[in-house]
PDB file of N, CA and C in Angstrom:
ATOM      1  N   MET A   1       6.337  13.645 -18.471  1.00  0.00           N
ATOM      2  CA  MET A   1       6.668  13.347 -17.514  1.00  0.00           C
ATOM      3  C   MET A   1       7.117  11.502 -17.993  1.00  0.00           C
ATOM      4  N   GLU A   2       7.907  10.594 -17.090  1.00  0.00           N
ATOM      5  CA  GLU A   2       8.906   9.742 -17.346  1.00  0.00           C
ATOM      6  C   GLU A   2       7.302   8.634 -17.115  1.00  0.00           C
ATOM      7  N   GLN A   3       7.299   7.848 -17.409  1.00  0.00           N
ATOM      8  CA  GLN A   3       6.633   6.545 -17.413  1.00  0.00           C
ATOM      9  C   GLN A   3       7.136   5.516 -17.134  1.00  0.00           C
ATOM     10  N   LEU A   4       6.697   4.195 -16.246  1.00  0.00           N
ATOM     11  CA  LEU A   4       7.498   2.800 -16.027  1.00  0.00           C
ATOM     12  C   LEU A   4       6.040   1.740 -16.258  1.00  0.00           C
ATOM     13  N   GLN A   5       6.847   0.597 -16.892  1.00  0.00           N
ATOM     14  CA  GLN A   5       5.640  -0.112 -17.089  1.00  0.00           C
ATOM     15  C   GLN A   5       5.717  -1.191 -16.140  1.00  0.00           C
ATOM     16  N   ASN A   6       4.209  -1.303 -16.058  1.00  0.00           N
ATOM     17  CA  ASN A   6       3.807  -2.339 -15.043  1.00  0.00           C
ATOM     18  C   ASN A   6       3.784  -3.584 -15.315  1.00  0.00           C
ATOM     19  N   ILE A   7       3.916  -4.780 -14.828  1.00  0.00           N
ATOM     20  CA  ILE A   7       4.032  -6.102 -14.471  1.00  0.00           C
ATOM     21  C   ILE A   7       3.555  -6.507 -15.827  1.00  0.00           C
ATOM     22  N   ASP A   8       2.354  -5.961 -15.694  1.00  0.00           N
ATOM     23  CA  ASP A   8       0.806  -6.595 -16.440  1.00  0.00           C
ATOM     24  C   ASP A   8       1.142  -6.360 -17.766  1.00  0.00           C
ATOM     25  N   GLY A   9       2.087  -4.941 -18.030  1.00  0.00           N
ATOM     26  CA  GLY A   9       1.853  -4.023 -19.172  1.00  0.00           C
ATOM     27  C   GLY A   9       1.609  -3.084 -19.641  1.00  0.00           C
ATOM     28  N   PHE A  10       0.970  -2.486 -18.550  1.00  0.00           N
ATOM     29  CA  PHE A  10       0.434  -1.309 -18.673  1.00  0.00           C
ATOM     30  C   PHE A  10       1.518  -0.190 -18.193  1.00  0.00           C
ATOM     31  N   THR A  11       0.740   0.951 -18.805  1.00  0.00           N
ATOM     32  CA  THR A  11       2.221   1.685 -18.099  1.00  0.00           C
ATOM     33  C   THR A  11       1.659   3.193 -17.475  1.00  0.00           C
ATOM     34  N   THR A  12       2.027   3.651 -16.181  1.00  0.00           N
ATOM     35  CA  THR A  12       1.630   4.321 -15.360  1.00  0.00           C
ATOM     36  C   THR A  12       2.509   5.535 -15.195  1.00  0.00           C
ATOM     37  N   PRO A  13       2.067   6.667 -15.453  1.00  0.00           N
ATOM     38  CA  PRO A  13       2.985   8.144 -15.357  1.00  0.00           C
ATOM     39  C   PRO A  13       3.303   8.391 -13.412  1.00  0.00           C
ATOM     40  N   LEU A  14       4.958   8.513 -13.712  1.00  0.00           N
ATOM     41  CA  LEU A  14       5.465   8.482 -12.263  1.00  0.00           C
ATOM     42  C   LEU A  14       5.660  10.003 -12.262  1.00  0.00           C
ATOM     43  N   SER A  15       5.628  10.439 -10.307  1.00  0.00           N
ATOM     44  CA  SER A  15       6.158  11.978  -9.932  1.00  0.00           C
ATOM     45  C   SER A  15       7.367  11.842 -10.154  1.00  0.00           C
ATOM     46  N   ASP A  16       7.950  13.096  -9.952  1.00  0.00           N
ATOM     47  CA  ASP A  16       9.517  13.177  -9.875  1.00  0.00           C
ATOM     48  C   ASP A  16      10.121  12.602  -8.931  1.00  0.00           C
ATOM     49  N   ASN A  17       9.143  11.895  -7.907  1.00  0.00           N
ATOM     50  CA  ASN A  17      11.039  11.637  -7.234  1.00  0.00           C
ATOM     51  C   ASN A  17       9.889   9.901  -6.844  1.00  0.00           C
ATOM     52  N   ARG A  18       8.811   9.187  -7.644  1.00  0.00           N
ATOM     53  CA  ARG A  18       8.547   7.938  -7.422  1.00  0.00           C
ATOM     54  C   ARG A  18       9.291   7.112  -8.580  1.00  0.00           C
ATOM     55  N   LYS A  19      10.095   6.309  -7.927  1.00  0.00           N
ATOM     56  CA  LYS A  19      10.871   5.290  -8.281  1.00  0.00           C
ATOM     57  C   LYS A  19      10.277   3.902  -9.008  1.00  0.00           C
ATOM     58  N   VAL A  20       8.873   3.417  -8.664  1.00  0.00           N
ATOM     59  CA  VAL A  20       8.218   2.132  -8.759  1.00  0.00           C
ATOM     60  C   VAL A  20       6.785   2.751  -9.437  1.00  0.00           C
ATOM     61  N   ALA A  21       6.257   1.673 -10.134  1.00  0.00           N
ATOM     62  CA  ALA A  21       4.734   2.110 -10.437  1.00  0.00           C
ATOM     63  C   ALA A  21       4.028   1.481  -9.847  1.00  0.00           C
ATOM     64  N   ARG A  22       2.876   2.139  -8.971  1.00  0.00           N
ATOM     65  CA  ARG A  22       1.937   1.711  -8.261  1.00  0.00           C
ATOM     66  C   ARG A  22       0.758   1.536  -9.106  1.00  0.00           C
ATOM     67  N   GLU A  23       0.330   0.497  -8.998  1.00  0.00           N
ATOM     68  CA  GLU A  23      -0.960  -0.169  -8.935  1.00  0.00           C
ATOM     69  C   GLU A  23      -2.102   0.407  -8.516  1.00  0.00           C
ATOM     70  N   ILE A  24      -2.880   1.143  -9.172  1.00  0.00           N
ATOM     71  CA  ILE A  24      -4.627   1.352  -8.543  1.00  0.00           C
ATOM     72  C   ILE A  24      -5.421   0.276  -8.058  1.00  0.00           C
ATOM     73  N   VAL A  25      -5.815   0.238  -6.748  1.00  0.00           N
ATOM     74  CA  VAL A  25      -6.600  -0.656  -6.137  1.00  0.00           C
ATOM     75  C   VAL A  25      -7.683  -0.153  -5.447  1.00  0.00           C
ATOM     76  N   GLU A  26      -8.953  -0.549  -5.343  1.00  0.00           N
ATOM     77  CA  GLU A  26      -9.541  -0.250  -4.129  1.00  0.00           C
ATOM     78  C   GLU A  26     -10.149  -1.495  -3.118  1.00  0.00           C
ATOM     79  N   ALA A  27      -9.546  -1.213  -2.015  1.00  0.00           N
ATOM     80  CA  ALA A  27      -9.992  -2.188  -0.981  1.00  0.00           C
ATOM     81  C   ALA A  27     -10.380  -1.756   0.468  1.00  0.00           C
ATOM     82  N   GLU A  28     -10.831  -2.525   1.098  1.00  0.00           N
ATOM     83  CA  GLU A  28     -10.906  -2.250   2.576  1.00  0.00           C
ATOM     84  C   GLU A  28      -9.734  -3.459   3.072  1.00  0.00           C
ATOM     85  N   ILE A  29      -9.202  -3.066   3.794  1.00  0.00           N
ATOM     86  CA  ILE A  29      -7.865  -3.525   4.640  1.00  0.00           C
ATOM     87  C   ILE A  29      -7.795  -3.628   6.132  1.00  0.00           C
ATOM     88  N   PHE A  30      -7.170  -4.481   6.604  1.00  0.00           N
ATOM     89  CA  PHE A  30      -7.484  -4.411   8.520  1.00  0.00           C
ATOM     90  C   PHE A  30      -5.635  -3.870   8.676  1.00  0.00           C
ATOM     91  N   VAL A  31      -5.676  -2.689   9.583  1.00  0.00           N
ATOM     92  CA  VAL A  31      -4.238  -2.164   9.895  1.00  0.00           C
ATOM     93  C   VAL A  31      -4.572  -2.519  11.281  1.00  0.00           C
ATOM     94  N   ARG A  32      -2.990  -2.066  11.745  1.00  0.00           N
ATOM     95  CA  ARG A  32      -2.721  -1.522  13.188  1.00  0.00           C
ATOM     96  C   ARG A  32      -1.530  -1.131  13.667  1.00  0.00           C
ATOM     97  N   GLN A  33      -1.060  -0.364  14.236  1.00  0.00           N
ATOM     98  CA  GLN A  33       0.075   0.191  14.853  1.00  0.00           C
ATOM     99  C   GLN A  33      -0.062  -0.274  16.754  1.00  0.00           C
ATOM    100  N   SER A  34       1.542  -0.454  16.973  1.00  0.00           N
ATOM    101  CA  SER A  34       1.552  -1.103  17.774  1.00  0.00           C
ATOM    102  C   SER A  34       0.752  -0.445  19.077  1.00  0.00           C
ATOM    103  N   ASP A  35       0.337  -1.389  20.246  1.00  0.00           N
ATOM    104  CA  ASP A  35      -0.641  -1.037  21.577  1.00  0.00           C
ATOM    105  C   ASP A  35      -1.367  -0.244  20.794  1.00  0.00           C
ATOM    106  N   SER A  36      -2.277  -0.916  19.691  1.00  0.00           N
ATOM    107  CA  SER A  36      -3.641  -0.489  19.315  1.00  0.00           C
ATOM    108  C   SER A  36      -4.483  -1.953  18.488  1.00  0.00           C
ATOM    109  N   GLN A  37      -5.142  -1.401  18.237  1.00  0.00           N
ATOM    110  CA  GLN A  37      -6.498  -2.451  18.459  1.00  0.00           C
ATOM    111  C   GLN A  37      -6.141  -2.758  16.436  1.00  0.00           C
ATOM    112  N   LEU A  38      -6.887  -4.120  16.209  1.00  0.00           N
ATOM    113  CA  LEU A  38      -7.048  -3.858  14.516  1.00  0.00           C
ATOM    114  C   LEU A  38      -8.329  -2.903  14.301  1.00  0.00           C
ATOM    115  N   PHE A  39      -8.298  -2.048  13.013  1.00  0.00           N
ATOM    116  CA  PHE A  39      -8.993  -1.665  12.439  1.00  0.00           C
ATOM    117  C   PHE A  39      -9.232  -1.282  10.561  1.00  0.00           C
ATOM    118  N   ARG A  40     -10.176  -1.254   9.976  1.00  0.00           N
ATOM    119  CA  ARG A  40      -9.890  -0.816   8.353  1.00  0.00           C
ATOM    120  C   ARG A  40      -9.186   0.427   8.047  1.00  0.00           C
ATOM    121  N   ALA A  41      -8.657   0.167   7.084  1.00  0.00           N
ATOM    122  CA  ALA A  41      -8.505   1.254   6.509  1.00  0.00           C
ATOM    123  C   ALA A  41      -9.030   0.994   4.871  1.00  0.00           C
ATOM    124  N   THR A  42      -8.854   2.397   3.708  1.00  0.00           N
ATOM    125  CA  THR A  42      -9.043   1.501   2.220  1.00  0.00           C
ATOM    126  C   THR A  42      -7.574   2.026   1.704  1.00  0.00           C
ATOM    127  N   LEU A  43      -7.827   0.530   0.984  1.00  0.00           N
ATOM    128  CA  LEU A  43      -6.323   0.641   0.533  1.00  0.00           C
ATOM    129  C   LEU A  43      -6.548   1.389  -1.191  1.00  0.00           C
ATOM    130  N   SER A  44      -5.639   2.504  -1.560  1.00  0.00           N
ATOM    131  CA  SER A  44      -5.850   2.789  -2.893  1.00  0.00           C
ATOM    132  C   SER A  44      -4.897   2.429  -3.840  1.00  0.00           C
ATOM    133  N   ASP A  45      -4.182   2.562  -3.789  1.00  0.00           N
ATOM    134  CA  ASP A  45      -2.956   2.072  -4.637  1.00  0.00           C
ATOM    135  C   ASP A  45      -1.691   1.207  -3.650  1.00  0.00           C
ATOM    136  N   LEU A  46      -0.776   0.247  -4.118  1.00  0.00           N
ATOM    137  CA  LEU A  46      -0.243  -0.526  -4.258  1.00  0.00           C
ATOM    138  C   LEU A  46       1.001  -0.883  -4.578  1.00  0.00           C
ATOM    139  N   SER A  47       2.285  -0.955  -4.713  1.00  0.00           N
ATOM    140  CA  SER A  47       3.649  -1.131  -5.301  1.00  0.00           C
ATOM    141  C   SER A  47       4.556  -1.826  -4.604  1.00  0.00           C
ATOM    142  N   VAL A  48       5.300  -2.343  -5.248  1.00  0.00           N
ATOM    143  CA  VAL A  48       6.425  -3.565  -4.698  1.00  0.00           C
ATOM    144  C   VAL A  48       7.273  -2.651  -3.288  1.00  0.00           C
ATOM    145  N   SER A  49       6.922  -1.360  -3.408  1.00  0.00           N
ATOM    146  CA  SER A  49       7.891  -0.329  -2.540  1.00  0.00           C
ATOM    147  C   SER A  49       6.405  -0.278  -1.373  1.00  0.00           C
ATOM    148  N   GLY A  50       5.456   0.143  -1.578  1.00  0.00           N
ATOM    149  CA  GLY A  50       4.590   0.455  -0.540  1.00  0.00           C
ATOM    150  C   GLY A  50       3.088   0.812  -0.998  1.00  0.00           C
ATOM    151  N   PHE A  51       2.221   1.596  -0.497  1.00  0.00           N
ATOM    152  CA  PHE A  51       0.674   1.462  -0.600  1.00  0.00           C
ATOM    153  C   PHE A  51       0.699   3.009  -0.115  1.00  0.00           C
ATOM    154  N   LYS A  52      -0.889   3.849  -0.112  1.00  0.00           N
ATOM    155  CA  LYS A  52      -1.475   4.355  -0.027  1.00  0.00           C
ATOM    156  C   LYS A  52      -2.997   4.017   0.306  1.00  0.00           C
ATOM    157  N   MET A  53      -3.024   4.833   1.769  1.00  0.00           N
ATOM    158  CA  MET A  53      -4.285   4.118   2.029  1.00  0.00           C
ATOM    159  C   MET A  53      -5.403   5.333   2.779  1.00  0.00           C
ATOM    160  N   ASN A  54      -6.492   5.217   3.052  1.00  0.00           N
ATOM    161  CA  ASN A  54      -7.368   5.691   3.439  1.00  0.00           C
ATOM    162  C   ASN A  54      -8.020   5.884   5.057  1.00  0.00           C
ATOM    163  N   SER A  55      -7.598   6.317   6.305  1.00  0.00           N
ATOM    164  CA  SER A  55      -8.017   5.936   7.580  1.00  0.00           C
ATOM    165  C   SER A  55      -8.754   6.433   8.170  1.00  0.00           C
ATOM    166  N   TYR A  56      -9.856   6.534   8.485  1.00  0.00           N
ATOM    167  CA  TYR A  56     -10.727   7.710   9.633  1.00  0.00           C
ATOM    168  C   TYR A  56      -9.842   7.295  11.212  1.00  0.00           C
ATOM    169  N   THR A  57      -8.908   6.648  11.361  1.00  0.00           N
ATOM    170  CA  THR A  57      -8.462   6.644  13.110  1.00  0.00           C
ATOM    171  C   THR A  57      -6.892   7.089  12.415  1.00  0.00           C
ATOM    172  N   ASP A  58      -6.744   8.234  13.641  1.00  0.00           N
ATOM    173  CA  ASP A  58      -5.738   8.747  13.042  1.00  0.00           C
ATOM    174  C   ASP A  58      -4.281   7.944  13.848  1.00  0.00           C
ATOM    175  N   LEU A  59      -3.491   8.135  12.631  1.00  0.00           N
ATOM    176  CA  LEU A  59      -1.983   7.361  12.934  1.00  0.00           C
ATOM    177  C   LEU A  59      -0.897   7.859  13.408  1.00  0.00           C
ATOM    178  N   ASP A  60      -0.230   7.473  14.124  1.00  0.00           N
ATOM    179  CA  ASP A  60       1.359   7.900  14.622  1.00  0.00           C
ATOM    180  C   ASP A  60       2.561   7.523  13.848  1.00  0.00           C
ATOM    181  N   GLU A  61       2.834   9.130  12.933  1.00  0.00           N
ATOM    182  CA  GLU A  61       3.569   8.701  12.087  1.00  0.00           C
ATOM    183  C   GLU A  61       4.695   8.008  12.158  1.00  0.00           C
ATOM    184  N   LYS A  62       5.314   7.960  13.614  1.00  0.00           N
ATOM    185  CA  LYS A  62       6.903   7.697  14.390  1.00  0.00           C
ATOM    186  C   LYS A  62       6.389   5.905  14.089  1.00  0.00           C
ATOM    187  N   LYS A  63       5.059   5.251  14.477  1.00  0.00           N
ATOM    188  CA  LYS A  63       5.325   4.223  14.670  1.00  0.00           C
ATOM    189  C   LYS A  63       5.218   3.464  13.313  1.00  0.00           C
ATOM    190  N   PRO A  64       5.301   1.602  13.681  1.00  0.00           N
ATOM    191  CA  PRO A  64       5.367   1.168  11.981  1.00  0.00           C
ATOM    192  C   PRO A  64       3.787   0.882  12.217  1.00  0.00           C
ATOM    193  N   VAL A  65       3.704   0.527  10.979  1.00  0.00           N
ATOM    194  CA  VAL A  65       2.063   0.158  10.493  1.00  0.00           C
ATOM    195  C   VAL A  65       2.123  -1.255  10.156  1.00  0.00           C
ATOM    196  N   TYR A  66       1.227  -1.885  10.231  1.00  0.00           N
ATOM    197  CA  TYR A  66       1.262  -3.454  10.115  1.00  0.00           C
ATOM    198  C   TYR A  66       0.163  -3.238   9.537  1.00  0.00           C
ATOM    199  N   ILE A  67      -0.089  -4.127   8.142  1.00  0.00           N
ATOM    200  CA  ILE A  67      -1.244  -4.010   7.393  1.00  0.00           C
ATOM    201  C   ILE A  67      -1.334  -5.885   7.268  1.00  0.00           C
ATOM    202  N   ARG A  68      -2.704  -6.008   6.914  1.00  0.00           N
ATOM    203  CA  ARG A  68      -3.032  -7.342   6.323  1.00  0.00           C
ATOM    204  C   ARG A  68      -3.666  -7.489   5.593  1.00  0.00           C
ATOM    205  N   LEU A  69      -3.115  -8.515   4.117  1.00  0.00           N
ATOM    206  CA  LEU A  69      -3.782  -8.371   3.036  1.00  0.00           C
ATOM    207  C   LEU A  69      -3.829 -10.110   2.875  1.00  0.00           C
ATOM    208  N   PRO A  70      -4.931  -9.941   1.368  1.00  0.00           N
ATOM    209  CA  PRO A  70      -5.170 -11.720   1.838  1.00  0.00           C
ATOM    210  C   PRO A  70      -4.388 -12.610   1.047  1.00  0.00           C
ATOM    211  N   GLY A  71      -4.290 -13.964   1.769  1.00  0.00           N
ATOM    212  CA  GLY A  71      -3.110 -14.668   1.316  1.00  0.00           C
ATOM    213  C   GLY A  71      -1.783 -14.411   1.563  1.00  0.00           C
ATOM    214  N   ILE A  72      -1.202 -13.520   2.376  1.00  0.00           N
ATOM    215  CA  ILE A  72      -0.087 -13.289   2.600  1.00  0.00           C
ATOM    216  C   ILE A  72       0.150 -13.054   4.480  1.00  0.00           C
ATOM    217  N   GLN A  73       1.201 -13.113   4.789  1.00  0.00           N
ATOM    218  CA  GLN A  73       1.480 -12.771   6.120  1.00  0.00           C
ATOM    219  C   GLN A  73       1.443 -11.098   6.480  1.00  0.00           C
ATOM    220  N   THR A  74       1.313 -10.859   7.889  1.00  0.00           N
ATOM    221  CA  THR A  74       0.773  -9.120   7.882  1.00  0.00           C
ATOM    222  C   THR A  74       2.614  -8.678   7.662  1.00  0.00           C
ATOM    223  N   LEU A  75       2.406  -7.532   7.048  1.00  0.00           N
ATOM    224  CA  LEU A  75       3.180  -6.842   6.585  1.00  0.00           C
ATOM    225  C   LEU A  75       3.856  -5.382   7.310  1.00  0.00           C
ATOM    226  N   SER A  76       4.793  -5.222   7.155  1.00  0.00           N
ATOM    227  CA  SER A  76       5.041  -3.657   7.831  1.00  0.00           C
ATOM    228  C   SER A  76       5.593  -3.000   7.224  1.00  0.00           C
ATOM    229  N   ALA A  77       5.307  -1.747   7.317  1.00  0.00           N
ATOM    230  CA  ALA A  77       5.658  -0.470   6.834  1.00  0.00           C
ATOM    231  C   ALA A  77       5.594   0.882   7.644  1.00  0.00           C
ATOM    232  N   THR A  78       6.399   2.038   7.398  1.00  0.00           N
ATOM    233  CA  THR A  78       6.860   3.057   7.851  1.00  0.00           C
ATOM    234  C   THR A  78       5.922   3.841   6.783  1.00  0.00           C
ATOM    235  N   ILE A  79       5.192   4.809   8.063  1.00  0.00           N
ATOM    236  CA  ILE A  79       4.681   6.249   7.248  1.00  0.00           C
ATOM    237  C   ILE A  79       5.569   6.957   6.951  1.00  0.00           C
ATOM    238  N   LYS A  80       5.135   7.781   5.225  1.00  0.00           N
ATOM    239  CA  LYS A  80       6.080   8.740   5.064  1.00  0.00           C
ATOM    240  C   LYS A  80       5.786   9.957   4.757  1.00  0.00           C
ATOM    241  N   TRP A  81       4.462  10.049   4.308  1.00  0.00           N
ATOM    242  CA  TRP A  81       3.399  10.915   4.879  1.00  0.00           C
ATOM    243  C   TRP A  81       2.348  11.170   4.821  1.00  0.00           C
ATOM    244  N   SER A  82       1.544  12.298   5.223  1.00  0.00           N
ATOM    245  CA  SER A  82       0.020  11.997   5.471  1.00  0.00           C
ATOM    246  C   SER A  82      -0.288  13.692   5.121  1.00  0.00           C
ATOM    247  N   ASP A  83      -1.705  13.300   4.554  1.00  0.00           N
ATOM    248  CA  ASP A  83      -2.568  14.261   4.228  1.00  0.00           C
ATOM    249  C   ASP A  83      -4.024  14.347   4.350  1.00  0.00           C
ATOM    250  N   HIS A  84      -4.153  14.463   5.778  1.00  0.00           N
ATOM    251  CA  HIS A  84      -5.587  14.601   6.705  1.00  0.00           C
ATOM    252  C   HIS A  84      -5.748  12.994   6.947  1.00  0.00           C
ATOM    253  N   GLU A  85      -6.588  12.275   5.958  1.00  0.00           N
ATOM    254  CA  GLU A  85      -6.938  10.882   6.175  1.00  0.00           C
ATOM    255  C   GLU A  85      -5.934  10.180   5.350  1.00  0.00           C
ATOM    256  N   ASP A  86      -5.144  10.504   4.648  1.00  0.00           N
ATOM    257  CA  ASP A  86      -4.349   9.747   3.653  1.00  0.00           C
ATOM    258  C   ASP A  86      -2.966   9.573   3.760  1.00  0.00           C
ATOM    259  N   TYR A  87      -2.438   8.433   3.885  1.00  0.00           N
ATOM    260  CA  TYR A  87      -1.193   8.122   4.370  1.00  0.00           C
ATOM    261  C   TYR A  87      -0.504   7.322   3.116  1.00  0.00           C
ATOM    262  N   GLY A  88       0.887   7.501   3.361  1.00  0.00           N
ATOM    263  CA  GLY A  88       1.361   6.867   2.012  1.00  0.00           C
ATOM    264  C   GLY A  88       2.747   6.014   2.843  1.00  0.00           C
ATOM    265  N   CYS A  89       2.623   4.833   2.851  1.00  0.00           N
ATOM    266  CA  CYS A  89       3.534   4.220   3.676  1.00  0.00           C
ATOM    267  C   CYS A  89       4.375   3.283   2.411  1.00  0.00           C
ATOM    268  N   ALA A  90       6.276   2.843   3.219  1.00  0.00           N
ATOM    269  CA  ALA A  90       7.150   2.284   2.217  1.00  0.00           C
ATOM    270  C   ALA A  90       6.944   1.012   3.229  1.00  0.00           C
ATOM    271  N   PHE A  91       7.273  -0.041   2.314  1.00  0.00           N
ATOM    272  CA  PHE A  91       6.840  -1.642   2.881  1.00  0.00           C
ATOM    273  C   PHE A  91       8.787  -1.287   3.594  1.00  0.00           C
ATOM    274  N   ASN A  92       8.695  -2.234   4.688  1.00  0.00           N
ATOM    275  CA  ASN A  92       9.943  -2.258   5.265  1.00  0.00           C
ATOM    276  C   ASN A  92      11.055  -3.632   4.818  1.00  0.00           C
ATOM    277  N   ILE A  93      10.204  -4.028   4.186  1.00  0.00           N
ATOM    278  CA  ILE A  93      10.753  -5.368   3.081  1.00  0.00           C
ATOM    279  C   ILE A  93      10.175  -5.036   1.884  1.00  0.00           C
ATOM    280  N   ASP A  94      10.210  -4.627   0.784  1.00  0.00           N
ATOM    281  CA  ASP A  94       9.615  -4.798  -0.218  1.00  0.00           C
ATOM    282  C   ASP A  94       8.936  -6.183  -0.858  1.00  0.00           C
ATOM    283  N   LEU A  95       7.735  -6.313  -1.708  1.00  0.00           N
ATOM    284  CA  LEU A  95       7.596  -7.324  -2.200  1.00  0.00           C
ATOM    285  C   LEU A  95       8.150  -8.211  -3.312  1.00  0.00           C
ATOM    286  N   HIS A  96       8.164  -8.745  -4.102  1.00  0.00           N
ATOM    287  CA  HIS A  96       8.918  -9.318  -5.321  1.00  0.00           C
ATOM    288  C   HIS A  96       7.476  -9.201  -6.103  1.00  0.00           C
ATOM    289  N   PRO A  97       7.750  -8.815  -6.896  1.00  0.00           N
ATOM    290  CA  PRO A  97       7.085  -8.318  -8.274  1.00  0.00           C
ATOM    291  C   PRO A  97       5.773  -9.734  -8.501  1.00  0.00           C
ATOM    292  N   ALA A  98       5.854 -10.880  -7.830  1.00  0.00           N
ATOM    293  CA  ALA A  98       5.135 -11.606  -8.415  1.00  0.00           C
ATOM    294  C   ALA A  98       3.903 -11.654  -7.353  1.00  0.00           C
ATOM    295  N   VAL A  99       4.390 -11.549  -6.099  1.00  0.00           N
ATOM    296  CA  VAL A  99       3.471 -11.333  -4.822  1.00  0.00           C
ATOM    297  C   VAL A  99       2.705 -10.167  -4.979  1.00  0.00           C
ATOM    298  N   LEU A 100       3.180  -9.116  -5.649  1.00  0.00           N
ATOM    299  CA  LEU A 100       2.578  -7.558  -5.725  1.00  0.00           C
ATOM    300  C   LEU A 100       1.230  -8.276  -6.589  1.00  0.00           C
ATOM    301  N   GLN A 101       1.468  -8.369  -8.086  1.00  0.00           N
ATOM    302  CA  GLN A 101       0.643  -9.164  -8.909  1.00  0.00           C
ATOM    303  C   GLN A 101      -0.079  -9.829  -8.464  1.00  0.00           C
ATOM    304  N   HIS A 102       0.313 -10.966  -7.576  1.00  0.00           N
ATOM    305  CA  HIS A 102      -1.031 -11.814  -6.991  1.00  0.00           C
ATOM    306  C   HIS A 102      -1.937 -10.870  -6.001  1.00  0.00           C
ATOM    307  N   LEU A 103      -1.182 -10.020  -5.280  1.00  0.00           N
ATOM    308  CA  LEU A 103      -1.784  -9.398  -4.422  1.00  0.00           C
ATOM    309  C   LEU A 103      -2.835  -8.357  -5.317  1.00  0.00           C
ATOM    310  N   VAL A 104      -2.868  -7.844  -6.185  1.00  0.00           N
ATOM    311  CA  VAL A 104      -3.573  -6.746  -6.809  1.00  0.00           C
ATOM    312  C   VAL A 104      -4.824  -7.608  -7.758  1.00  0.00           C
ATOM    313  N   ASN A 105      -4.233  -8.881  -8.144  1.00  0.00           N
ATOM    314  CA  ASN A 105      -5.540  -9.485  -8.897  1.00  0.00           C
ATOM    315  C   ASN A 105      -6.350 -10.106  -7.901  1.00  0.00           C
ATOM    316  N   LYS A 106      -5.586 -10.553  -6.283  1.00  0.00           N
ATOM    317  CA  LYS A 106      -6.951 -10.356  -5.525  1.00  0.00           C
ATOM    318  C   LYS A 106      -7.456  -9.520  -4.658  1.00  0.00           C
ATOM    319  N   LEU A 107      -7.028  -8.160  -4.642  1.00  0.00           N
ATOM    320  CA  LEU A 107      -7.764  -6.941  -4.530  1.00  0.00           C
ATOM    321  C   LEU A 107      -8.591  -6.764  -5.366  1.00  0.00           C
ATOM    322  N   ARG A 108      -8.150  -6.648  -6.394  1.00  0.00           N
ATOM    323  CA  ARG A 108      -9.518  -6.334  -7.783  1.00  0.00           C
ATOM    324  C   ARG A 108     -10.439  -7.252  -7.641  1.00  0.00           C
ATOM    325  N   GLU A 109     -10.140  -8.889  -7.225  1.00  0.00           N
ATOM    326  CA  GLU A 109     -11.598  -9.827  -7.469  1.00  0.00           C
ATOM    327  C   GLU A 109     -12.498  -9.418  -6.135  1.00  0.00           C
ATOM    328  N   PHE A 110     -11.934  -9.150  -4.735  1.00  0.00           N
ATOM    329  CA  PHE A 110     -12.424  -9.434  -3.810  1.00  0.00           C
ATOM    330  C   PHE A 110     -12.626  -8.482  -3.165  1.00  0.00           C
ATOM    331  N   GLY A 111     -11.860  -6.817  -4.066  1.00  0.00           N
ATOM    332  CA  GLY A 111     -12.232  -5.784  -3.220  1.00  0.00           C
ATOM    333  C   GLY A 111     -13.636  -4.749  -2.868  1.00  0.00           C
TER     334      GLY A 111
END
């Protein structure tokens, strides 16, 4: 299996269709969709292009998702897949690698 080097020098195995490495994190985040209230979800991984989260709130896969992460503005994403309570999402605008590393450090510190 192909591997990709993360920013901090660690390597992560890539699946056949994954183009960027994901950082493993476990943190509570706030999420909303249009016409809904803010609710909590658990972020399990994060990359420059997207994230995976677990939510007990059912999400509409046709609507954008807005997440709040520490220290940055609200980010919008599109749901690409779901499996029961797990959702894989792609950011509408990729994160800069330095922003990703900052977020990973913060989430691991406070997660």
